[in-house]
């Protein structure tokens, strides 16, 4: 395992069917080890990671909400390989869908 920090490049996308709705009324949140990072739909967000395993959650909130965790998807992210991990979180079409998290260093929880 490397002692050098890694960078997580994560892109969060709504389903194509509901994209306009989500862009207008919601925002995505990426949480790494209990620290929230508000992001934007479709834009890559870069976060610095220490080497090792990290808990990764992705969810969305309606504008004005501060505690909801809608559509939450979870994964374990291991930062011990490439210095830049590229990850994608895709929200499903159904209203009850969770984010599907895929990419480098990701394993299901």
PDB file of N, CA and C in Angstrom:
ATOM      1  N   UNK A   1       0.839  -1.177   0.000  1.00  0.00           N
ATOM      2  CA  UNK A   1       0.000   0.000   0.000  1.00  0.00           C
ATOM      3  C   UNK A   1       0.887   1.245   0.000  1.00  0.00           C
ATOM      4  N   UNK A   2       0.522   2.199  -0.798  1.00  0.00           N
ATOM      5  CA  UNK A   2       1.258   3.455  -0.902  1.00  0.00           C
ATOM      6  C   UNK A   2       0.906   4.373   0.260  1.00  0.00           C
ATOM      7  N   UNK A   3       1.880   5.191   0.682  1.00  0.00           N
ATOM      8  CA  UNK A   3       1.624   6.179   1.723  1.00  0.00           C
ATOM      9  C   UNK A   3       1.155   7.503   1.137  1.00  0.00           C
ATOM     10  N   UNK A   4       1.171   7.618  -0.167  1.00  0.00           N
ATOM     11  CA  UNK A   4       0.770   8.855  -0.833  1.00  0.00           C
ATOM     12  C   UNK A   4      -0.745   8.980  -0.854  1.00  0.00           C
ATOM     13  N   UNK A   5      -1.258  10.210  -0.718  1.00  0.00           N
ATOM     14  CA  UNK A   5      -2.707  10.395  -0.800  1.00  0.00           C
ATOM     15  C   UNK A   5      -3.201  10.099  -2.216  1.00  0.00           C
ATOM     16  N   UNK A   6      -4.429   9.688  -2.311  1.00  0.00           N
ATOM     17  CA  UNK A   6      -5.077   9.450  -3.602  1.00  0.00           C
ATOM     18  C   UNK A   6      -6.166  10.499  -3.782  1.00  0.00           C
ATOM     19  N   UNK A   7      -6.655  10.602  -4.983  1.00  0.00           N
ATOM     20  CA  UNK A   7      -7.761  11.505  -5.272  1.00  0.00           C
ATOM     21  C   UNK A   7      -8.917  10.710  -5.832  1.00  0.00           C
ATOM     22  N   UNK A   8     -10.100  10.987  -5.332  1.00  0.00           N
ATOM     23  CA  UNK A   8     -11.324  10.381  -5.815  1.00  0.00           C
ATOM     24  C   UNK A   8     -11.992  11.365  -6.753  1.00  0.00           C
ATOM     25  N   UNK A   9     -12.179  10.978  -8.003  1.00  0.00           N
ATOM     26  CA  UNK A   9     -12.967  11.758  -8.961  1.00  0.00           C
ATOM     27  C   UNK A   9     -14.296  11.038  -9.095  1.00  0.00           C
ATOM     28  N   UNK A  10     -15.359  11.622  -8.538  1.00  0.00           N
ATOM     29  CA  UNK A  10     -16.668  10.975  -8.579  1.00  0.00           C
ATOM     30  C   UNK A  10     -17.658  11.841  -9.342  1.00  0.00           C
ATOM     31  N   UNK A  11     -18.386  11.197 -10.239  1.00  0.00           N
ATOM     32  CA  UNK A  11     -19.431  11.866 -11.007  1.00  0.00           C
ATOM     33  C   UNK A  11     -20.759  11.236 -10.622  1.00  0.00           C
ATOM     34  N   UNK A  12     -21.724  12.072 -10.231  1.00  0.00           N
ATOM     35  CA  UNK A  12     -23.034  11.616  -9.785  1.00  0.00           C
ATOM     36  C   UNK A  12     -24.062  12.025 -10.834  1.00  0.00           C
ATOM     37  N   UNK A  13     -24.830  11.042 -11.299  1.00  0.00           N
ATOM     38  CA  UNK A  13     -25.805  11.303 -12.366  1.00  0.00           C
ATOM     39  C   UNK A  13     -27.203  10.813 -11.966  1.00  0.00           C
ATOM     40  N   UNK A  14     -28.230  11.605 -12.293  1.00  0.00           N
ATOM     41  CA  UNK A  14     -29.601  11.126 -12.114  1.00  0.00           C
ATOM     42  C   UNK A  14     -29.959  10.224 -13.287  1.00  0.00           C
ATOM     43  N   UNK A  15     -31.084   9.545 -13.222  1.00  0.00           N
ATOM     44  CA  UNK A  15     -31.536   8.781 -14.392  1.00  0.00           C
ATOM     45  C   UNK A  15     -31.873   9.775 -15.498  1.00  0.00           C
ATOM     46  N   UNK A  16     -31.681   9.369 -16.739  1.00  0.00           N
ATOM     47  CA  UNK A  16     -31.993  10.258 -17.854  1.00  0.00           C
ATOM     48  C   UNK A  16     -33.457  10.651 -17.877  1.00  0.00           C
ATOM     49  N   UNK A  17     -34.320   9.729 -17.463  1.00  0.00           N
ATOM     50  CA  UNK A  17     -35.759   9.965 -17.452  1.00  0.00           C
ATOM     51  C   UNK A  17     -36.147  11.139 -16.553  1.00  0.00           C
ATOM     52  N   UNK A  18     -35.495  11.260 -15.394  1.00  0.00           N
ATOM     53  CA  UNK A  18     -35.864  12.292 -14.413  1.00  0.00           C
ATOM     54  C   UNK A  18     -34.801  13.379 -14.271  1.00  0.00           C
ATOM     55  N   UNK A  19     -33.890  13.477 -15.220  1.00  0.00           N
ATOM     56  CA  UNK A  19     -32.754  14.405 -15.093  1.00  0.00           C
ATOM     57  C   UNK A  19     -33.194  15.859 -14.907  1.00  0.00           C
ATOM     58  N   UNK A  20     -34.146  16.321 -15.702  1.00  0.00           N
ATOM     59  CA  UNK A  20     -34.581  17.719 -15.592  1.00  0.00           C
ATOM     60  C   UNK A  20     -35.141  17.989 -14.202  1.00  0.00           C
ATOM     61  N   UNK A  21     -35.976  17.074 -13.705  1.00  0.00           N
ATOM     62  CA  UNK A  21     -36.539  17.217 -12.358  1.00  0.00           C
ATOM     63  C   UNK A  21     -35.431  17.336 -11.312  1.00  0.00           C
ATOM     64  N   UNK A  22     -34.467  16.418 -11.363  1.00  0.00           N
ATOM     65  CA  UNK A  22     -33.396  16.427 -10.361  1.00  0.00           C
ATOM     66  C   UNK A  22     -32.531  17.678 -10.454  1.00  0.00           C
ATOM     67  N   UNK A  23     -32.225  18.119 -11.658  1.00  0.00           N
ATOM     68  CA  UNK A  23     -31.415  19.339 -11.808  1.00  0.00           C
ATOM     69  C   UNK A  23     -32.124  20.551 -11.215  1.00  0.00           C
ATOM     70  N   UNK A  24     -33.445  20.588 -11.287  1.00  0.00           N
ATOM     71  CA  UNK A  24     -34.204  21.731 -10.773  1.00  0.00           C
ATOM     72  C   UNK A  24     -34.482  21.672  -9.275  1.00  0.00           C
ATOM     73  N   UNK A  25     -34.763  20.476  -8.747  1.00  0.00           N
ATOM     74  CA  UNK A  25     -35.296  20.386  -7.389  1.00  0.00           C
ATOM     75  C   UNK A  25     -34.441  19.640  -6.371  1.00  0.00           C
ATOM     76  N   UNK A  26     -33.351  19.007  -6.792  1.00  0.00           N
ATOM     77  CA  UNK A  26     -32.556  18.217  -5.850  1.00  0.00           C
ATOM     78  C   UNK A  26     -31.064  18.490  -6.038  1.00  0.00           C
ATOM     79  N   UNK A  27     -30.281  17.996  -5.107  1.00  0.00           N
ATOM     80  CA  UNK A  27     -28.816  18.040  -5.245  1.00  0.00           C
ATOM     81  C   UNK A  27     -28.232  16.753  -4.668  1.00  0.00           C
ATOM     82  N   UNK A  28     -27.141  16.256  -5.265  1.00  0.00           N
ATOM     83  CA  UNK A  28     -26.518  15.028  -4.765  1.00  0.00           C
ATOM     84  C   UNK A  28     -25.514  15.325  -3.646  1.00  0.00           C
ATOM     85  N   UNK A  29     -25.324  14.318  -2.803  1.00  0.00           N
ATOM     86  CA  UNK A  29     -24.354  14.399  -1.713  1.00  0.00           C
ATOM     87  C   UNK A  29     -23.471  13.159  -1.769  1.00  0.00           C
ATOM     88  N   UNK A  30     -22.165  13.357  -1.682  1.00  0.00           N
ATOM     89  CA  UNK A  30     -21.205  12.264  -1.582  1.00  0.00           C
ATOM     90  C   UNK A  30     -20.664  12.300  -0.156  1.00  0.00           C
ATOM     91  N   UNK A  31     -20.713  11.170   0.521  1.00  0.00           N
ATOM     92  CA  UNK A  31     -20.229  11.092   1.900  1.00  0.00           C
ATOM     93  C   UNK A  31     -19.085  10.083   1.953  1.00  0.00           C
ATOM     94  N   UNK A  32     -17.948  10.526   2.439  1.00  0.00           N
ATOM     95  CA  UNK A  32     -16.789   9.658   2.611  1.00  0.00           C
ATOM     96  C   UNK A  32     -16.443   9.654   4.095  1.00  0.00           C
ATOM     97  N   UNK A  33     -16.517   8.479   4.700  1.00  0.00           N
ATOM     98  CA  UNK A  33     -16.186   8.327   6.130  1.00  0.00           C
ATOM     99  C   UNK A  33     -16.914   9.348   6.997  1.00  0.00           C
ATOM    100  N   UNK A  34     -18.228   9.469   6.788  1.00  0.00           N
ATOM    101  CA  UNK A  34     -19.105  10.336   7.587  1.00  0.00           C
ATOM    102  C   UNK A  34     -18.917  11.834   7.349  1.00  0.00           C
ATOM    103  N   UNK A  35     -18.186  12.222   6.327  1.00  0.00           N
ATOM    104  CA  UNK A  35     -18.040  13.640   5.980  1.00  0.00           C
ATOM    105  C   UNK A  35     -18.791  13.890   4.678  1.00  0.00           C
ATOM    106  N   UNK A  36     -19.779  14.789   4.729  1.00  0.00           N
ATOM    107  CA  UNK A  36     -20.612  15.093   3.570  1.00  0.00           C
ATOM    108  C   UNK A  36     -19.941  16.106   2.645  1.00  0.00           C
ATOM    109  N   UNK A  37     -20.162  15.881   1.343  1.00  0.00           N
ATOM    110  CA  UNK A  37     -19.679  16.807   0.319  1.00  0.00           C
ATOM    111  C   UNK A  37     -20.832  17.022  -0.656  1.00  0.00           C
ATOM    112  N   UNK A  38     -21.400  18.220  -0.647  1.00  0.00           N
ATOM    113  CA  UNK A  38     -22.473  18.531  -1.594  1.00  0.00           C
ATOM    114  C   UNK A  38     -21.846  18.661  -2.974  1.00  0.00           C
ATOM    115  N   UNK A  39     -22.458  18.028  -3.965  1.00  0.00           N
ATOM    116  CA  UNK A  39     -21.914  18.040  -5.311  1.00  0.00           C
ATOM    117  C   UNK A  39     -22.960  18.560  -6.290  1.00  0.00           C
ATOM    118  N   UNK A  40     -22.643  18.513  -7.562  1.00  0.00           N
ATOM    119  CA  UNK A  40     -23.562  18.915  -8.621  1.00  0.00           C
ATOM    120  C   UNK A  40     -23.803  17.730  -9.545  1.00  0.00           C
ATOM    121  N   UNK A  41     -25.006  17.647 -10.082  1.00  0.00           N
ATOM    122  CA  UNK A  41     -25.337  16.571 -11.013  1.00  0.00           C
ATOM    123  C   UNK A  41     -24.455  16.643 -12.243  1.00  0.00           C
ATOM    124  N   UNK A  42     -23.810  15.536 -12.588  1.00  0.00           N
ATOM    125  CA  UNK A  42     -23.048  15.417 -13.818  1.00  0.00           C
ATOM    126  C   UNK A  42     -21.650  15.993 -13.807  1.00  0.00           C
ATOM    127  N   UNK A  43     -21.295  16.741 -12.789  1.00  0.00           N
ATOM    128  CA  UNK A  43     -19.963  17.346 -12.705  1.00  0.00           C
ATOM    129  C   UNK A  43     -19.057  16.481 -11.838  1.00  0.00           C
ATOM    130  N   UNK A  44     -17.838  16.265 -12.286  1.00  0.00           N
ATOM    131  CA  UNK A  44     -16.886  15.490 -11.486  1.00  0.00           C
ATOM    132  C   UNK A  44     -16.498  16.287 -10.242  1.00  0.00           C
ATOM    133  N   UNK A  45     -16.487  15.611  -9.118  1.00  0.00           N
ATOM    134  CA  UNK A  45     -16.055  16.202  -7.853  1.00  0.00           C
ATOM    135  C   UNK A  45     -14.787  15.469  -7.433  1.00  0.00           C
ATOM    136  N   UNK A  46     -13.751  16.203  -7.070  1.00  0.00           N
ATOM    137  CA  UNK A  46     -12.484  15.595  -6.666  1.00  0.00           C
ATOM    138  C   UNK A  46     -12.308  15.753  -5.161  1.00  0.00           C
ATOM    139  N   UNK A  47     -12.067  14.621  -4.500  1.00  0.00           N
ATOM    140  CA  UNK A  47     -11.851  14.595  -3.056  1.00  0.00           C
ATOM    141  C   UNK A  47     -10.526  13.899  -2.771  1.00  0.00           C
ATOM    142  N   UNK A  48      -9.813  14.376  -1.772  1.00  0.00           N
ATOM    143  CA  UNK A  48      -8.536  13.779  -1.377  1.00  0.00           C
ATOM    144  C   UNK A  48      -8.805  12.634  -0.408  1.00  0.00           C
ATOM    145  N   UNK A  49      -8.095  11.517  -0.608  1.00  0.00           N
ATOM    146  CA  UNK A  49      -8.251  10.339   0.242  1.00  0.00           C
ATOM    147  C   UNK A  49      -6.915   9.915   0.832  1.00  0.00           C
ATOM    148  N   UNK A  50      -6.942   9.475   2.069  1.00  0.00           N
ATOM    149  CA  UNK A  50      -5.768   8.844   2.649  1.00  0.00           C
ATOM    150  C   UNK A  50      -5.746   7.398   2.168  1.00  0.00           C
ATOM    151  N   UNK A  51      -4.593   6.739   2.169  1.00  0.00           N
ATOM    152  CA  UNK A  51      -4.540   5.335   1.761  1.00  0.00           C
ATOM    153  C   UNK A  51      -5.396   4.463   2.685  1.00  0.00           C
ATOM    154  N   UNK A  52      -5.968   3.407   2.129  1.00  0.00           N
ATOM    155  CA  UNK A  52      -6.753   2.466   2.920  1.00  0.00           C
ATOM    156  C   UNK A  52      -8.205   2.403   2.497  1.00  0.00           C
ATOM    157  N   UNK A  53      -9.034   1.774   3.334  1.00  0.00           N
ATOM    158  CA  UNK A  53     -10.450   1.605   3.058  1.00  0.00           C
ATOM    159  C   UNK A  53     -11.255   2.790   3.549  1.00  0.00           C
ATOM    160  N   UNK A  54     -12.292   3.122   2.782  1.00  0.00           N
ATOM    161  CA  UNK A  54     -13.176   4.242   3.124  1.00  0.00           C
ATOM    162  C   UNK A  54     -14.618   3.823   2.882  1.00  0.00           C
ATOM    163  N   UNK A  55     -15.528   4.328   3.732  1.00  0.00           N
ATOM    164  CA  UNK A  55     -16.958   4.118   3.547  1.00  0.00           C
ATOM    165  C   UNK A  55     -17.474   5.214   2.620  1.00  0.00           C
ATOM    166  N   UNK A  56     -18.136   4.828   1.536  1.00  0.00           N
ATOM    167  CA  UNK A  56     -18.633   5.763   0.544  1.00  0.00           C
ATOM    168  C   UNK A  56     -20.149   5.625   0.447  1.00  0.00           C
ATOM    169  N   UNK A  57     -20.859   6.738   0.571  1.00  0.00           N
ATOM    170  CA  UNK A  57     -22.312   6.774   0.384  1.00  0.00           C
ATOM    171  C   UNK A  57     -22.635   7.904  -0.582  1.00  0.00           C
ATOM    172  N   UNK A  58     -23.635   7.672  -1.416  1.00  0.00           N
ATOM    173  CA  UNK A  58     -24.117   8.708  -2.324  1.00  0.00           C
ATOM    174  C   UNK A  58     -25.628   8.745  -2.197  1.00  0.00           C
ATOM    175  N   UNK A  59     -26.194   9.944  -2.064  1.00  0.00           N
ATOM    176  CA  UNK A  59     -27.637  10.107  -1.937  1.00  0.00           C
ATOM    177  C   UNK A  59     -28.006  11.489  -2.440  1.00  0.00           C
ATOM    178  N   UNK A  60     -29.305  11.791  -2.466  1.00  0.00           N
ATOM    179  CA  UNK A  60     -29.711  13.135  -2.858  1.00  0.00           C
ATOM    180  C   UNK A  60     -30.693  13.700  -1.854  1.00  0.00           C
ATOM    181  N   UNK A  61     -30.840  15.007  -1.906  1.00  0.00           N
ATOM    182  CA  UNK A  61     -31.793  15.734  -1.060  1.00  0.00           C
ATOM    183  C   UNK A  61     -32.550  16.732  -1.927  1.00  0.00           C
ATOM    184  N   UNK A  62     -33.766  17.021  -1.503  1.00  0.00           N
ATOM    185  CA  UNK A  62     -34.488  18.129  -2.126  1.00  0.00           C
ATOM    186  C   UNK A  62     -33.892  19.432  -1.607  1.00  0.00           C
ATOM    187  N   UNK A  63     -33.879  20.442  -2.434  1.00  0.00           N
ATOM    188  CA  UNK A  63     -33.359  21.743  -2.012  1.00  0.00           C
ATOM    189  C   UNK A  63     -34.111  22.181  -0.759  1.00  0.00           C
ATOM    190  N   UNK A  64     -33.379  22.670   0.224  1.00  0.00           N
ATOM    191  CA  UNK A  64     -33.969  23.085   1.495  1.00  0.00           C
ATOM    192  C   UNK A  64     -33.923  22.004   2.569  1.00  0.00           C
ATOM    193  N   UNK A  65     -33.668  20.759   2.192  1.00  0.00           N
ATOM    194  CA  UNK A  65     -33.545  19.684   3.180  1.00  0.00           C
ATOM    195  C   UNK A  65     -32.111  19.613   3.695  1.00  0.00           C
ATOM    196  N   UNK A  66     -31.982  19.165   4.944  1.00  0.00           N
ATOM    197  CA  UNK A  66     -30.647  19.097   5.529  1.00  0.00           C
ATOM    198  C   UNK A  66     -30.292  17.729   6.091  1.00  0.00           C
ATOM    199  N   UNK A  67     -31.250  16.808   6.144  1.00  0.00           N
ATOM    200  CA  UNK A  67     -30.954  15.524   6.777  1.00  0.00           C
ATOM    201  C   UNK A  67     -31.363  14.311   5.945  1.00  0.00           C
ATOM    202  N   UNK A  68     -32.183  14.473   4.936  1.00  0.00           N
ATOM    203  CA  UNK A  68     -32.675  13.326   4.153  1.00  0.00           C
ATOM    204  C   UNK A  68     -31.530  12.633   3.421  1.00  0.00           C
ATOM    205  N   UNK A  69     -31.695  11.338   3.213  1.00  0.00           N
ATOM    206  CA  UNK A  69     -30.703  10.517   2.487  1.00  0.00           C
ATOM    207  C   UNK A  69     -31.468   9.673   1.468  1.00  0.00           C
ATOM    208  N   UNK A  70     -31.949  10.298   0.416  1.00  0.00           N
ATOM    209  CA  UNK A  70     -32.824   9.651  -0.553  1.00  0.00           C
ATOM    210  C   UNK A  70     -32.021   8.916  -1.618  1.00  0.00           C
ATOM    211  N   UNK A  71     -32.467   7.714  -1.965  1.00  0.00           N
ATOM    212  CA  UNK A  71     -31.803   6.920  -2.996  1.00  0.00           C
ATOM    213  C   UNK A  71     -30.412   6.462  -2.616  1.00  0.00           C
ATOM    214  N   UNK A  72     -30.134   6.367  -1.337  1.00  0.00           N
ATOM    215  CA  UNK A  72     -28.762   6.114  -0.875  1.00  0.00           C
ATOM    216  C   UNK A  72     -28.182   4.804  -1.401  1.00  0.00           C
ATOM    217  N   UNK A  73     -26.993   4.919  -1.965  1.00  0.00           N
ATOM    218  CA  UNK A  73     -26.193   3.766  -2.358  1.00  0.00           C
ATOM    219  C   UNK A  73     -24.915   3.776  -1.541  1.00  0.00           C
ATOM    220  N   UNK A  74     -24.440   2.594  -1.187  1.00  0.00           N
ATOM    221  CA  UNK A  74     -23.236   2.495  -0.352  1.00  0.00           C
ATOM    222  C   UNK A  74     -22.229   1.549  -0.971  1.00  0.00           C
ATOM    223  N   UNK A  75     -20.965   1.819  -0.695  1.00  0.00           N
ATOM    224  CA  UNK A  75     -19.882   0.960  -1.165  1.00  0.00           C
ATOM    225  C   UNK A  75     -18.678   1.160  -0.265  1.00  0.00           C
ATOM    226  N   UNK A  76     -17.719   0.259  -0.403  1.00  0.00           N
ATOM    227  CA  UNK A  76     -16.418   0.405   0.250  1.00  0.00           C
ATOM    228  C   UNK A  76     -15.441   0.803  -0.848  1.00  0.00           C
ATOM    229  N   UNK A  77     -14.637   1.794  -0.575  1.00  0.00           N
ATOM    230  CA  UNK A  77     -13.665   2.303  -1.534  1.00  0.00           C
ATOM    231  C   UNK A  77     -12.275   2.066  -0.960  1.00  0.00           C
ATOM    232  N   UNK A  78     -11.414   1.427  -1.734  1.00  0.00           N
ATOM    233  CA  UNK A  78     -10.055   1.158  -1.289  1.00  0.00           C
ATOM    234  C   UNK A  78      -9.082   1.999  -2.093  1.00  0.00           C
ATOM    235  N   UNK A  79      -8.363   2.856  -1.395  1.00  0.00           N
ATOM    236  CA  UNK A  79      -7.388   3.745  -2.031  1.00  0.00           C
ATOM    237  C   UNK A  79      -5.989   3.201  -1.762  1.00  0.00           C
ATOM    238  N   UNK A  80      -5.560   2.256  -2.596  1.00  0.00           N
ATOM    239  CA  UNK A  80      -4.203   1.726  -2.427  1.00  0.00           C
ATOM    240  C   UNK A  80      -3.564   1.404  -3.777  1.00  0.00           C
ATOM    241  N   UNK A  81      -4.187   1.839  -4.829  1.00  0.00           N
ATOM    242  CA  UNK A  81      -3.676   1.556  -6.171  1.00  0.00           C
ATOM    243  C   UNK A  81      -3.340   2.832  -6.901  1.00  0.00           C
ATOM    244  N   UNK A  82      -4.103   3.120  -7.961  1.00  0.00           N
ATOM    245  CA  UNK A  82      -3.797   4.316  -8.747  1.00  0.00           C
ATOM    246  C   UNK A  82      -3.977   5.582  -7.908  1.00  0.00           C
ATOM    247  N   UNK A  83      -3.198   6.623  -8.214  1.00  0.00           N
ATOM    248  CA  UNK A  83      -3.296   7.859  -7.438  1.00  0.00           C
ATOM    249  C   UNK A  83      -4.611   8.604  -7.674  1.00  0.00           C
ATOM    250  N   UNK A  84      -5.323   8.274  -8.744  1.00  0.00           N
ATOM    251  CA  UNK A  84      -6.597   8.928  -9.050  1.00  0.00           C
ATOM    252  C   UNK A  84      -7.631   7.847  -9.336  1.00  0.00           C
ATOM    253  N   UNK A  85      -8.659   7.772  -8.464  1.00  0.00           N
ATOM    254  CA  UNK A  85      -9.724   6.789  -8.612  1.00  0.00           C
ATOM    255  C   UNK A  85     -10.917   7.445  -9.292  1.00  0.00           C
ATOM    256  N   UNK A  86     -11.373   6.871 -10.380  1.00  0.00           N
ATOM    257  CA  UNK A  86     -12.533   7.399 -11.105  1.00  0.00           C
ATOM    258  C   UNK A  86     -13.744   6.535 -10.782  1.00  0.00           C
ATOM    259  N   UNK A  87     -14.771   7.183 -10.221  1.00  0.00           N
ATOM    260  CA  UNK A  87     -15.957   6.486  -9.747  1.00  0.00           C
ATOM    261  C   UNK A  87     -17.197   7.188 -10.295  1.00  0.00           C
ATOM    262  N   UNK A  88     -18.226   6.382 -10.553  1.00  0.00           N
ATOM    263  CA  UNK A  88     -19.491   6.921 -11.054  1.00  0.00           C
ATOM    264  C   UNK A  88     -20.622   6.422 -10.161  1.00  0.00           C
ATOM    265  N   UNK A  89     -21.553   7.312  -9.835  1.00  0.00           N
ATOM    266  CA  UNK A  89     -22.757   6.941  -9.097  1.00  0.00           C
ATOM    267  C   UNK A  89     -23.954   7.294  -9.967  1.00  0.00           C
ATOM    268  N   UNK A  90     -24.742   6.289 -10.311  1.00  0.00           N
ATOM    269  CA  UNK A  90     -25.880   6.460 -11.215  1.00  0.00           C
ATOM    270  C   UNK A  90     -27.168   6.132 -10.475  1.00  0.00           C
ATOM    271  N   UNK A  91     -28.105   7.073 -10.459  1.00  0.00           N
ATOM    272  CA  UNK A  91     -29.405   6.848  -9.831  1.00  0.00           C
ATOM    273  C   UNK A  91     -30.314   6.118 -10.806  1.00  0.00           C
ATOM    274  N   UNK A  92     -31.051   5.148 -10.314  1.00  0.00           N
ATOM    275  CA  UNK A  92     -31.960   4.376 -11.163  1.00  0.00           C
ATOM    276  C   UNK A  92     -33.203   5.155 -11.544  1.00  0.00           C
ATOM    277  N   UNK A  93     -34.006   4.565 -12.420  1.00  0.00           N
ATOM    278  CA  UNK A  93     -35.194   5.228 -12.971  1.00  0.00           C
ATOM    279  C   UNK A  93     -36.342   5.293 -11.976  1.00  0.00           C
ATOM    280  N   UNK A  94     -36.565   4.225 -11.233  1.00  0.00           N
ATOM    281  CA  UNK A  94     -37.703   4.181 -10.310  1.00  0.00           C
ATOM    282  C   UNK A  94     -37.527   5.140  -9.140  1.00  0.00           C
ATOM    283  N   UNK A  95     -38.655   5.586  -8.606  1.00  0.00           N
ATOM    284  CA  UNK A  95     -38.637   6.516  -7.482  1.00  0.00           C
ATOM    285  C   UNK A  95     -37.955   5.908  -6.257  1.00  0.00           C
ATOM    286  N   UNK A  96     -38.000   4.597  -6.112  1.00  0.00           N
ATOM    287  CA  UNK A  96     -37.396   3.932  -4.950  1.00  0.00           C
ATOM    288  C   UNK A  96     -35.982   3.417  -5.238  1.00  0.00           C
ATOM    289  N   UNK A  97     -35.414   3.776  -6.387  1.00  0.00           N
ATOM    290  CA  UNK A  97     -34.084   3.284  -6.770  1.00  0.00           C
ATOM    291  C   UNK A  97     -32.986   3.865  -5.894  1.00  0.00           C
ATOM    292  N   UNK A  98     -31.938   3.071  -5.729  1.00  0.00           N
ATOM    293  CA  UNK A  98     -30.742   3.536  -5.026  1.00  0.00           C
ATOM    294  C   UNK A  98     -29.651   3.821  -6.055  1.00  0.00           C
ATOM    295  N   UNK A  99     -28.668   4.595  -5.662  1.00  0.00           N
ATOM    296  CA  UNK A  99     -27.526   4.846  -6.536  1.00  0.00           C
ATOM    297  C   UNK A  99     -26.733   3.559  -6.719  1.00  0.00           C
ATOM    298  N   UNK A 100     -26.262   3.329  -7.923  1.00  0.00           N
ATOM    299  CA  UNK A 100     -25.346   2.227  -8.227  1.00  0.00           C
ATOM    300  C   UNK A 100     -23.965   2.851  -8.359  1.00  0.00           C
ATOM    301  N   UNK A 101     -23.037   2.416  -7.520  1.00  0.00           N
ATOM    302  CA  UNK A 101     -21.687   2.990  -7.470  1.00  0.00           C
ATOM    303  C   UNK A 101     -20.715   2.018  -8.119  1.00  0.00           C
ATOM    304  N   UNK A 102     -19.998   2.479  -9.137  1.00  0.00           N
ATOM    305  CA  UNK A 102     -19.049   1.642  -9.853  1.00  0.00           C
ATOM    306  C   UNK A 102     -17.759   2.412 -10.097  1.00  0.00           C
ATOM    307  N   UNK A 103     -16.681   1.678 -10.322  1.00  0.00           N
ATOM    308  CA  UNK A 103     -15.413   2.318 -10.674  1.00  0.00           C
ATOM    309  C   UNK A 103     -14.224   1.706  -9.975  1.00  0.00           C
ATOM    310  N   UNK A 104     -13.101   2.378 -10.100  1.00  0.00           N
ATOM    311  CA  UNK A 104     -11.845   1.896  -9.552  1.00  0.00           C
ATOM    312  C   UNK A 104     -11.860   1.892  -8.035  1.00  0.00           C
ATOM    313  N   UNK A 105     -11.468   0.770  -7.443  1.00  0.00           N
ATOM    314  CA  UNK A 105     -11.370   0.659  -5.990  1.00  0.00           C
ATOM    315  C   UNK A 105     -12.679   0.439  -5.258  1.00  0.00           C
ATOM    316  N   UNK A 106     -13.797   0.257  -6.000  1.00  0.00           N
ATOM    317  CA  UNK A 106     -15.123   0.136  -5.382  1.00  0.00           C
ATOM    318  C   UNK A 106     -15.492  -1.330  -5.192  1.00  0.00           C
ATOM    319  N   UNK A 107     -15.996  -1.648  -4.010  1.00  0.00           N
ATOM    320  CA  UNK A 107     -16.580  -2.971  -3.773  1.00  0.00           C
ATOM    321  C   UNK A 107     -17.916  -2.776  -3.059  1.00  0.00           C
ATOM    322  N   UNK A 108     -18.850  -3.712  -3.262  1.00  0.00           N
ATOM    323  CA  UNK A 108     -20.170  -3.601  -2.650  1.00  0.00           C
ATOM    324  C   UNK A 108     -20.067  -3.706  -1.152  1.00  0.00           C
ATOM    325  N   UNK A 109     -21.027  -3.137  -0.498  1.00  0.00           N
ATOM    326  CA  UNK A 109     -21.075  -3.165   0.954  1.00  0.00           C
ATOM    327  C   UNK A 109     -22.021  -4.209   1.435  1.00  0.00           C
TER     328      UNK A 109
END
